[in-house]
Amino acid sequence: MDTTRLSHTLQKALNDQMTKEAHAAQVYLSYAAWASDQGFDGVANFLFRHAEEERNHMTKILEYILQRNAKVKVVAIPAPGADPASISDCFDKVFKAEVDNTKEIYNIVNMTLEEKDWATWNFMQWFVKEQIEEETLALNLLSKIKIAGGEKASGDALYALDRDLGNTPDDAKSAEDVTAATP
């Protein structure tokens, strides 16, 4: 008797999303290392913490696939790509990555509706809520760098931004501690 509680299409989509979350963590690690190398330790700290959050998302999906008695497939992830050209470029890339991730989350939600897989639909609502927060955070970063002068931001403005991000509270939680109410 087959006890798998995920369709093959949703199982593949969730495994693909798990890989995307792992890739996002690597991208943020890469950006953090770049920021640190540029002397922006506050930005680096912020991005290192964000990388941890992305790994938690990956783990959350992995655990759900296992709970549904489906097969987890851990595959190689692509290289992060080129370093940002500036802090402004870094935040622009962060925003674009979050928007792309939101689209993928919505695709999975649409699949759950088509398949009437209400358990997975319910599970994915946590990620829908999380992406609202992620996009808002990325937009706020873009707004801050725009106020600072964008690509032409002064050293003083970048210093203040770096200091502010370094003082941002650490809100990354482990995958086992997050819920729909507290992502």
N, C-alpha and C. Protein backbone atom coordinates (compact mmCIF):
# COMPACT_ATOMS: atom_id res chain seq x y z
N MET A 1 0.85 -1.19 0.00
CA MET A 1 0.00 0.00 0.00
C MET A 1 0.89 1.24 0.00
N ASP A 2 0.54 2.19 -0.86
CA ASP A 2 1.28 3.45 -0.94
C ASP A 2 0.76 4.38 0.16
N THR A 3 1.65 4.80 1.05
CA THR A 3 1.24 5.67 2.15
C THR A 3 1.70 7.12 1.95
N THR A 4 2.23 7.41 0.78
CA THR A 4 2.67 8.77 0.49
C THR A 4 1.46 9.69 0.43
N ARG A 5 1.54 10.82 1.11
CA ARG A 5 0.41 11.75 1.19
C ARG A 5 0.61 12.99 0.32
N LEU A 6 1.57 12.93 -0.59
CA LEU A 6 1.79 14.01 -1.55
C LEU A 6 1.75 13.43 -2.96
N SER A 7 1.14 14.15 -3.87
CA SER A 7 1.18 13.72 -5.27
C SER A 7 2.62 13.84 -5.77
N HIS A 8 2.89 13.17 -6.87
CA HIS A 8 4.24 13.27 -7.44
C HIS A 8 4.56 14.71 -7.84
N THR A 9 3.57 15.43 -8.35
CA THR A 9 3.82 16.81 -8.79
C THR A 9 4.11 17.72 -7.60
N LEU A 10 3.36 17.57 -6.51
CA LEU A 10 3.63 18.40 -5.33
C LEU A 10 4.92 17.97 -4.65
N GLN A 11 5.19 16.69 -4.64
CA GLN A 11 6.45 16.21 -4.07
C GLN A 11 7.62 16.84 -4.82
N LYS A 12 7.57 16.84 -6.14
CA LYS A 12 8.64 17.46 -6.94
C LYS A 12 8.71 18.96 -6.69
N ALA A 13 7.57 19.62 -6.67
CA ALA A 13 7.54 21.07 -6.46
C ALA A 13 8.12 21.44 -5.09
N LEU A 14 7.78 20.68 -4.06
CA LEU A 14 8.31 20.98 -2.73
C LEU A 14 9.81 20.69 -2.64
N ASN A 15 10.26 19.62 -3.28
CA ASN A 15 11.70 19.35 -3.32
C ASN A 15 12.42 20.45 -4.07
N ASP A 16 11.84 20.91 -5.18
CA ASP A 16 12.44 22.02 -5.92
C ASP A 16 12.50 23.28 -5.06
N GLN A 17 11.44 23.55 -4.31
CA GLN A 17 11.41 24.73 -3.45
C GLN A 17 12.43 24.60 -2.32
N MET A 18 12.58 23.41 -1.81
CA MET A 18 13.59 23.17 -0.78
C MET A 18 14.98 23.53 -1.34
N THR A 19 15.25 23.14 -2.57
CA THR A 19 16.52 23.46 -3.21
C THR A 19 16.66 24.96 -3.42
N LYS A 20 15.56 25.62 -3.80
CA LYS A 20 15.60 27.08 -3.98
C LYS A 20 15.92 27.79 -2.67
N GLU A 21 15.38 27.30 -1.58
CA GLU A 21 15.67 27.90 -0.27
C GLU A 21 17.14 27.68 0.09
N ALA A 22 17.68 26.50 -0.22
CA ALA A 22 19.10 26.24 0.04
C ALA A 22 19.97 27.17 -0.81
N HIS A 23 19.57 27.36 -2.06
CA HIS A 23 20.31 28.26 -2.95
C HIS A 23 20.25 29.69 -2.41
N ALA A 24 19.07 30.12 -1.95
CA ALA A 24 18.94 31.47 -1.40
C ALA A 24 19.87 31.65 -0.21
N ALA A 25 19.98 30.63 0.63
CA ALA A 25 20.90 30.72 1.77
C ALA A 25 22.34 30.91 1.29
N GLN A 26 22.73 30.20 0.26
CA GLN A 26 24.08 30.34 -0.28
C GLN A 26 24.30 31.73 -0.88
N VAL A 27 23.28 32.25 -1.56
CA VAL A 27 23.38 33.59 -2.14
C VAL A 27 23.59 34.61 -1.02
N TYR A 28 22.79 34.52 0.04
CA TYR A 28 22.93 35.46 1.15
C TYR A 28 24.29 35.30 1.84
N LEU A 29 24.78 34.08 1.95
CA LEU A 29 26.13 33.88 2.51
C LEU A 29 27.17 34.56 1.63
N SER A 30 27.02 34.40 0.33
CA SER A 30 27.94 35.03 -0.61
C SER A 30 27.90 36.54 -0.49
N TYR A 31 26.69 37.11 -0.43
CA TYR A 31 26.55 38.56 -0.28
C TYR A 31 27.13 39.03 1.06
N ALA A 32 26.92 38.24 2.10
CA ALA A 32 27.45 38.60 3.42
C ALA A 32 28.97 38.62 3.40
N ALA A 33 29.56 37.62 2.76
CA ALA A 33 31.02 37.58 2.67
C ALA A 33 31.53 38.78 1.87
N TRP A 34 30.82 39.12 0.80
CA TRP A 34 31.20 40.29 0.00
C TRP A 34 31.12 41.56 0.85
N ALA A 35 30.00 41.72 1.58
CA ALA A 35 29.81 42.92 2.40
C ALA A 35 30.90 43.02 3.47
N SER A 36 31.23 41.91 4.08
CA SER A 36 32.28 41.90 5.09
C SER A 36 33.62 42.31 4.48
N ASP A 37 33.90 41.77 3.30
CA ASP A 37 35.13 42.10 2.60
C ASP A 37 35.21 43.60 2.26
N GLN A 38 34.05 44.22 2.05
CA GLN A 38 33.98 45.64 1.72
C GLN A 38 34.01 46.52 2.96
N GLY A 39 33.99 45.88 4.14
CA GLY A 39 34.02 46.65 5.39
C GLY A 39 32.66 46.96 5.97
N PHE A 40 31.62 46.41 5.39
CA PHE A 40 30.26 46.63 5.88
C PHE A 40 29.85 45.48 6.80
N ASP A 41 30.39 45.49 8.01
CA ASP A 41 30.13 44.38 8.93
C ASP A 41 28.69 44.32 9.39
N GLY A 42 28.00 45.44 9.50
CA GLY A 42 26.59 45.44 9.88
C GLY A 42 25.73 44.81 8.81
N VAL A 43 25.98 45.19 7.55
CA VAL A 43 25.26 44.58 6.43
C VAL A 43 25.58 43.09 6.37
N ALA A 44 26.85 42.74 6.56
CA ALA A 44 27.25 41.33 6.54
C ALA A 44 26.53 40.54 7.61
N ASN A 45 26.48 41.09 8.83
CA ASN A 45 25.80 40.41 9.92
C ASN A 45 24.32 40.19 9.58
N PHE A 46 23.70 41.22 9.05
CA PHE A 46 22.30 41.13 8.64
C PHE A 46 22.12 40.01 7.61
N LEU A 47 23.01 39.94 6.61
CA LEU A 47 22.89 38.94 5.55
C LEU A 47 23.23 37.54 6.05
N PHE A 48 24.19 37.42 6.96
CA PHE A 48 24.49 36.11 7.56
C PHE A 48 23.25 35.58 8.29
N ARG A 49 22.58 36.44 9.03
CA ARG A 49 21.37 36.02 9.75
C ARG A 49 20.26 35.65 8.78
N HIS A 50 20.18 36.38 7.68
CA HIS A 50 19.16 36.09 6.68
C HIS A 50 19.44 34.74 6.00
N ALA A 51 20.72 34.42 5.80
CA ALA A 51 21.08 33.12 5.24
C ALA A 51 20.59 32.00 6.16
N GLU A 52 20.75 32.20 7.46
CA GLU A 52 20.27 31.20 8.43
C GLU A 52 18.75 31.04 8.33
N GLU A 53 18.06 32.13 8.15
CA GLU A 53 16.61 32.07 8.01
C GLU A 53 16.22 31.26 6.78
N GLU A 54 16.93 31.45 5.68
CA GLU A 54 16.65 30.68 4.46
C GLU A 54 16.91 29.19 4.67
N ARG A 55 17.96 28.85 5.40
CA ARG A 55 18.21 27.44 5.72
C ARG A 55 17.07 26.87 6.56
N ASN A 56 16.54 27.70 7.47
CA ASN A 56 15.40 27.24 8.26
C ASN A 56 14.19 26.96 7.38
N HIS A 57 13.98 27.78 6.37
CA HIS A 57 12.87 27.55 5.43
C HIS A 57 13.07 26.21 4.71
N MET A 58 14.31 25.97 4.28
CA MET A 58 14.63 24.72 3.62
C MET A 58 14.30 23.53 4.53
N THR A 59 14.72 23.63 5.77
CA THR A 59 14.48 22.55 6.73
C THR A 59 13.00 22.36 6.99
N LYS A 60 12.26 23.42 7.07
CA LYS A 60 10.82 23.34 7.30
C LYS A 60 10.15 22.55 6.16
N ILE A 61 10.55 22.81 4.93
CA ILE A 61 9.98 22.08 3.79
C ILE A 61 10.41 20.62 3.83
N LEU A 62 11.68 20.38 4.11
CA LEU A 62 12.17 19.01 4.22
C LEU A 62 11.36 18.22 5.24
N GLU A 63 11.16 18.81 6.41
CA GLU A 63 10.40 18.12 7.46
C GLU A 63 8.96 17.85 7.03
N TYR A 64 8.35 18.77 6.30
CA TYR A 64 6.98 18.56 5.84
C TYR A 64 6.92 17.41 4.84
N ILE A 65 7.85 17.37 3.91
CA ILE A 65 7.87 16.27 2.94
C ILE A 65 7.96 14.94 3.67
N LEU A 66 8.82 14.86 4.67
CA LEU A 66 8.95 13.63 5.45
C LEU A 66 7.66 13.31 6.22
N GLN A 67 7.02 14.33 6.79
CA GLN A 67 5.77 14.11 7.52
C GLN A 67 4.67 13.54 6.62
N ARG A 68 4.73 13.88 5.34
CA ARG A 68 3.73 13.40 4.39
C ARG A 68 4.15 12.07 3.77
N ASN A 69 5.19 11.47 4.36
CA ASN A 69 5.70 10.16 3.96
C ASN A 69 6.12 10.14 2.49
N ALA A 70 6.68 11.26 2.05
CA ALA A 70 7.15 11.39 0.68
C ALA A 70 8.68 11.39 0.67
N LYS A 71 9.24 11.36 -0.50
CA LYS A 71 10.69 11.25 -0.68
C LYS A 71 11.33 12.62 -0.78
N VAL A 72 12.31 12.86 0.08
CA VAL A 72 13.11 14.08 0.01
C VAL A 72 14.26 13.81 -0.96
N LYS A 73 14.49 14.76 -1.84
CA LYS A 73 15.62 14.67 -2.77
C LYS A 73 16.52 15.87 -2.55
N VAL A 74 17.70 15.61 -2.01
CA VAL A 74 18.69 16.65 -1.80
C VAL A 74 19.60 16.63 -3.02
N VAL A 75 19.63 17.76 -3.72
CA VAL A 75 20.43 17.85 -4.94
C VAL A 75 21.41 19.01 -4.83
N ALA A 76 22.36 19.04 -5.74
CA ALA A 76 23.33 20.14 -5.78
C ALA A 76 22.61 21.45 -6.07
N ILE A 77 23.13 22.51 -5.51
CA ILE A 77 22.55 23.82 -5.76
C ILE A 77 23.50 24.62 -6.65
N PRO A 78 22.95 25.53 -7.45
CA PRO A 78 23.81 26.34 -8.31
C PRO A 78 24.69 27.27 -7.48
N ALA A 79 25.78 27.69 -8.08
CA ALA A 79 26.66 28.68 -7.45
C ALA A 79 25.90 29.99 -7.27
N PRO A 80 26.26 30.77 -6.26
CA PRO A 80 25.54 32.01 -5.97
C PRO A 80 25.56 33.05 -7.08
N GLY A 81 26.55 33.07 -7.92
CA GLY A 81 26.64 34.10 -8.95
C GLY A 81 27.59 35.20 -8.54
N ALA A 82 27.60 36.24 -9.33
CA ALA A 82 28.54 37.34 -9.14
C ALA A 82 28.23 38.13 -7.87
N ASP A 83 29.28 38.68 -7.29
CA ASP A 83 29.12 39.57 -6.14
C ASP A 83 28.35 40.82 -6.56
N PRO A 84 27.66 41.44 -5.61
CA PRO A 84 27.03 42.72 -5.92
C PRO A 84 28.10 43.76 -6.28
N ALA A 85 27.70 44.75 -7.04
CA ALA A 85 28.63 45.82 -7.42
C ALA A 85 28.67 46.92 -6.37
N SER A 86 27.64 46.98 -5.53
CA SER A 86 27.53 48.03 -4.51
C SER A 86 26.48 47.60 -3.49
N ILE A 87 26.37 48.36 -2.42
CA ILE A 87 25.32 48.08 -1.43
C ILE A 87 23.94 48.23 -2.08
N SER A 88 23.78 49.23 -2.91
CA SER A 88 22.52 49.43 -3.61
C SER A 88 22.20 48.23 -4.50
N ASP A 89 23.18 47.75 -5.24
CA ASP A 89 23.00 46.58 -6.09
C ASP A 89 22.68 45.35 -5.25
N CYS A 90 23.33 45.22 -4.11
CA CYS A 90 23.08 44.10 -3.20
C CYS A 90 21.61 44.06 -2.78
N PHE A 91 21.10 45.20 -2.33
CA PHE A 91 19.71 45.25 -1.87
C PHE A 91 18.73 45.06 -3.02
N ASP A 92 19.10 45.54 -4.20
CA ASP A 92 18.27 45.33 -5.38
C ASP A 92 18.18 43.83 -5.71
N LYS A 93 19.31 43.15 -5.62
CA LYS A 93 19.34 41.70 -5.88
C LYS A 93 18.55 40.94 -4.82
N VAL A 94 18.63 41.38 -3.58
CA VAL A 94 17.86 40.75 -2.50
C VAL A 94 16.36 40.88 -2.79
N PHE A 95 15.93 42.06 -3.19
CA PHE A 95 14.51 42.27 -3.50
C PHE A 95 14.07 41.38 -4.66
N LYS A 96 14.84 41.36 -5.72
CA LYS A 96 14.48 40.54 -6.89
C LYS A 96 14.41 39.06 -6.52
N ALA A 97 15.34 38.60 -5.70
CA ALA A 97 15.33 37.20 -5.28
C ALA A 97 14.08 36.88 -4.47
N GLU A 98 13.68 37.80 -3.60
CA GLU A 98 12.47 37.56 -2.80
C GLU A 98 11.21 37.56 -3.65
N VAL A 99 11.14 38.44 -4.64
CA VAL A 99 9.99 38.46 -5.54
C VAL A 99 9.92 37.16 -6.34
N ASP A 100 11.07 36.69 -6.83
CA ASP A 100 11.10 35.41 -7.56
C ASP A 100 10.66 34.27 -6.65
N ASN A 101 11.10 34.28 -5.41
CA ASN A 101 10.71 33.23 -4.48
C ASN A 101 9.21 33.27 -4.20
N THR A 102 8.66 34.47 -4.08
CA THR A 102 7.22 34.60 -3.87
C THR A 102 6.45 33.97 -5.01
N LYS A 103 6.88 34.21 -6.23
CA LYS A 103 6.22 33.62 -7.41
C LYS A 103 6.22 32.09 -7.33
N GLU A 104 7.34 31.52 -6.91
CA GLU A 104 7.42 30.06 -6.79
C GLU A 104 6.51 29.54 -5.69
N ILE A 105 6.46 30.25 -4.58
CA ILE A 105 5.54 29.86 -3.49
C ILE A 105 4.11 29.89 -4.00
N TYR A 106 3.73 30.95 -4.70
CA TYR A 106 2.37 31.05 -5.25
C TYR A 106 2.08 29.92 -6.23
N ASN A 107 3.07 29.51 -7.03
CA ASN A 107 2.86 28.39 -7.96
C ASN A 107 2.52 27.11 -7.20
N ILE A 108 3.21 26.89 -6.10
CA ILE A 108 2.92 25.69 -5.30
C ILE A 108 1.53 25.80 -4.68
N VAL A 109 1.19 26.98 -4.17
CA VAL A 109 -0.15 27.16 -3.60
C VAL A 109 -1.21 26.88 -4.67
N ASN A 110 -1.00 27.37 -5.88
CA ASN A 110 -1.95 27.09 -6.96
C ASN A 110 -2.07 25.60 -7.24
N MET A 111 -0.95 24.89 -7.18
CA MET A 111 -0.98 23.44 -7.38
C MET A 111 -1.80 22.76 -6.29
N THR A 112 -1.65 23.22 -5.05
CA THR A 112 -2.41 22.61 -3.96
C THR A 112 -3.91 22.81 -4.16
N LEU A 113 -4.28 23.98 -4.67
CA LEU A 113 -5.70 24.24 -4.95
C LEU A 113 -6.22 23.33 -6.05
N GLU A 114 -5.44 23.20 -7.13
CA GLU A 114 -5.85 22.33 -8.24
C GLU A 114 -6.01 20.89 -7.79
N GLU A 115 -5.12 20.43 -6.93
CA GLU A 115 -5.14 19.04 -6.47
C GLU A 115 -6.02 18.83 -5.25
N LYS A 116 -6.53 19.92 -4.70
CA LYS A 116 -7.34 19.87 -3.48
C LYS A 116 -6.58 19.18 -2.34
N ASP A 117 -5.30 19.51 -2.25
CA ASP A 117 -4.45 19.02 -1.16
C ASP A 117 -4.46 20.09 -0.08
N TRP A 118 -5.45 20.01 0.79
CA TRP A 118 -5.68 21.06 1.77
C TRP A 118 -4.60 21.08 2.85
N ALA A 119 -4.02 19.93 3.15
CA ALA A 119 -2.94 19.90 4.14
C ALA A 119 -1.74 20.70 3.64
N THR A 120 -1.38 20.49 2.39
CA THR A 120 -0.24 21.22 1.84
C THR A 120 -0.60 22.68 1.61
N TRP A 121 -1.83 22.93 1.22
CA TRP A 121 -2.28 24.33 1.10
C TRP A 121 -2.09 25.04 2.44
N ASN A 122 -2.54 24.40 3.52
CA ASN A 122 -2.40 24.98 4.85
C ASN A 122 -0.93 25.19 5.21
N PHE A 123 -0.10 24.21 4.94
CA PHE A 123 1.33 24.32 5.20
C PHE A 123 1.93 25.51 4.45
N MET A 124 1.54 25.69 3.22
CA MET A 124 2.12 26.74 2.38
C MET A 124 1.69 28.14 2.81
N GLN A 125 0.62 28.26 3.59
CA GLN A 125 0.19 29.59 4.03
C GLN A 125 1.24 30.25 4.92
N TRP A 126 2.00 29.44 5.65
CA TRP A 126 3.10 30.00 6.44
C TRP A 126 4.09 30.70 5.52
N PHE A 127 4.40 30.08 4.38
CA PHE A 127 5.35 30.66 3.44
C PHE A 127 4.78 31.89 2.74
N VAL A 128 3.48 31.88 2.47
CA VAL A 128 2.85 33.07 1.89
C VAL A 128 3.03 34.26 2.83
N LYS A 129 2.72 34.02 4.11
CA LYS A 129 2.88 35.08 5.11
C LYS A 129 4.34 35.50 5.23
N GLU A 130 5.24 34.54 5.22
CA GLU A 130 6.66 34.83 5.33
C GLU A 130 7.14 35.68 4.16
N GLN A 131 6.65 35.40 2.96
CA GLN A 131 7.08 36.17 1.79
C GLN A 131 6.59 37.61 1.85
N ILE A 132 5.46 37.84 2.45
CA ILE A 132 5.01 39.22 2.65
C ILE A 132 6.06 39.95 3.50
N GLU A 133 6.50 39.31 4.57
CA GLU A 133 7.51 39.90 5.45
C GLU A 133 8.84 40.07 4.72
N GLU A 134 9.23 39.06 3.94
CA GLU A 134 10.51 39.12 3.23
C GLU A 134 10.52 40.25 2.20
N GLU A 135 9.43 40.38 1.44
CA GLU A 135 9.37 41.44 0.44
C GLU A 135 9.32 42.81 1.10
N THR A 136 8.60 42.92 2.21
CA THR A 136 8.55 44.20 2.94
C THR A 136 9.93 44.57 3.45
N LEU A 137 10.63 43.62 4.00
CA LEU A 137 11.99 43.85 4.49
C LEU A 137 12.90 44.32 3.34
N ALA A 138 12.82 43.63 2.20
CA ALA A 138 13.65 44.00 1.05
C ALA A 138 13.28 45.39 0.53
N LEU A 139 12.00 45.70 0.49
CA LEU A 139 11.57 47.03 0.06
C LEU A 139 12.07 48.10 1.02
N ASN A 140 12.05 47.81 2.32
CA ASN A 140 12.56 48.76 3.30
C ASN A 140 14.07 49.00 3.11
N LEU A 141 14.80 47.94 2.78
CA LEU A 141 16.23 48.10 2.51
C LEU A 141 16.44 48.98 1.28
N LEU A 142 15.65 48.76 0.24
CA LEU A 142 15.76 49.59 -0.96
C LEU A 142 15.42 51.04 -0.65
N SER A 143 14.41 51.25 0.18
CA SER A 143 14.03 52.62 0.55
C SER A 143 15.16 53.30 1.32
N LYS A 144 15.78 52.56 2.23
CA LYS A 144 16.86 53.13 3.03
C LYS A 144 18.04 53.52 2.15
N ILE A 145 18.40 52.65 1.23
CA ILE A 145 19.55 52.98 0.37
C ILE A 145 19.18 54.12 -0.58
N LYS A 146 17.92 54.21 -0.98
CA LYS A 146 17.48 55.33 -1.83
C LYS A 146 17.60 56.65 -1.06
N ILE A 147 17.14 56.65 0.17
CA ILE A 147 17.25 57.85 1.02
C ILE A 147 18.72 58.23 1.23
N ALA A 148 19.56 57.19 1.35
CA ALA A 148 20.99 57.44 1.56
C ALA A 148 21.68 57.96 0.30
N GLY A 149 21.00 57.89 -0.85
CA GLY A 149 21.59 58.39 -2.08
C GLY A 149 21.76 57.35 -3.16
N GLY A 150 21.27 56.13 -2.93
CA GLY A 150 21.36 55.08 -3.94
C GLY A 150 22.80 54.77 -4.28
N GLU A 151 23.07 54.65 -5.55
CA GLU A 151 24.43 54.35 -6.01
C GLU A 151 25.42 55.46 -5.63
N LYS A 152 24.91 56.66 -5.38
CA LYS A 152 25.77 57.80 -5.05
C LYS A 152 25.78 58.09 -3.55
N ALA A 153 25.38 57.10 -2.74
CA ALA A 153 25.32 57.31 -1.29
C ALA A 153 26.71 57.68 -0.76
N SER A 154 26.72 58.64 0.14
CA SER A 154 27.98 59.08 0.72
C SER A 154 28.50 58.04 1.70
N GLY A 155 29.76 58.15 2.01
CA GLY A 155 30.36 57.27 3.00
C GLY A 155 29.67 57.37 4.34
N ASP A 156 29.29 58.59 4.74
CA ASP A 156 28.59 58.79 6.02
C ASP A 156 27.24 58.07 6.02
N ALA A 157 26.52 58.18 4.91
CA ALA A 157 25.21 57.53 4.82
C ALA A 157 25.35 56.02 4.84
N LEU A 158 26.33 55.49 4.14
CA LEU A 158 26.56 54.05 4.14
C LEU A 158 27.02 53.57 5.51
N TYR A 159 27.82 54.38 6.19
CA TYR A 159 28.27 54.04 7.54
C TYR A 159 27.06 53.93 8.47
N ALA A 160 26.16 54.91 8.40
CA ALA A 160 24.97 54.91 9.25
C ALA A 160 24.07 53.71 8.93
N LEU A 161 23.91 53.43 7.66
CA LEU A 161 23.08 52.28 7.25
C LEU A 161 23.70 50.98 7.76
N ASP A 162 25.00 50.85 7.60
CA ASP A 162 25.70 49.66 8.07
C ASP A 162 25.53 49.49 9.58
N ARG A 163 25.68 50.60 10.32
CA ARG A 163 25.52 50.56 11.77
C ARG A 163 24.10 50.15 12.14
N ASP A 164 23.10 50.73 11.46
CA ASP A 164 21.71 50.41 11.76
C ASP A 164 21.40 48.93 11.51
N LEU A 165 21.89 48.40 10.39
CA LEU A 165 21.64 46.99 10.10
C LEU A 165 22.37 46.09 11.08
N GLY A 166 23.54 46.51 11.53
CA GLY A 166 24.27 45.74 12.53
C GLY A 166 23.56 45.69 13.87
N ASN A 167 22.74 46.71 14.15
CA ASN A 167 21.99 46.77 15.41
C ASN A 167 20.59 46.21 15.30
N THR A 168 20.21 45.75 14.11
CA THR A 168 18.88 45.17 13.92
C THR A 168 18.80 43.89 14.74
N PRO A 169 17.72 43.71 15.50
CA PRO A 169 17.61 42.50 16.33
C PRO A 169 17.64 41.24 15.48
N ASP A 170 18.20 40.20 16.05
CA ASP A 170 18.26 38.91 15.37
C ASP A 170 16.92 38.23 15.52
N ASP A 171 16.21 38.08 14.40
CA ASP A 171 14.89 37.46 14.50
C ASP A 171 14.81 36.13 13.78
N ALA A 172 15.95 35.58 13.37
CA ALA A 172 15.94 34.26 12.74
C ALA A 172 15.67 33.22 13.82
N LYS A 173 14.69 32.36 13.53
CA LYS A 173 14.30 31.32 14.48
C LYS A 173 14.57 29.97 13.85
N SER A 174 14.74 28.95 14.66
CA SER A 174 14.95 27.62 14.11
C SER A 174 13.64 27.13 13.49
N ALA A 175 13.76 26.24 12.51
CA ALA A 175 12.60 25.75 11.77
C ALA A 175 11.57 25.11 12.71
N GLU A 176 12.02 24.44 13.75
CA GLU A 176 11.08 23.78 14.64
C GLU A 176 10.29 24.75 15.52
N ASP A 177 10.77 25.99 15.64
CA ASP A 177 10.11 26.96 16.50
C ASP A 177 9.13 27.88 15.77
N VAL A 178 9.09 27.79 14.44
CA VAL A 178 8.24 28.71 13.70
C VAL A 178 6.86 28.11 13.42
N THR A 179 5.88 28.98 13.43
CA THR A 179 4.50 28.58 13.14
C THR A 179 3.90 29.61 12.21
N ALA A 180 2.67 29.38 11.79
CA ALA A 180 1.98 30.35 10.95
C ALA A 180 1.82 31.67 11.70
N ALA A 181 1.63 31.59 13.00
CA ALA A 181 1.43 32.81 13.80
C ALA A 181 2.74 33.53 14.06
N THR A 182 3.83 32.78 14.14
CA THR A 182 5.13 33.40 14.41
C THR A 182 6.17 32.89 13.42
N PRO A 183 6.14 33.37 12.18
CA PRO A 183 7.10 32.88 11.17
C PRO A 183 8.53 33.32 11.48
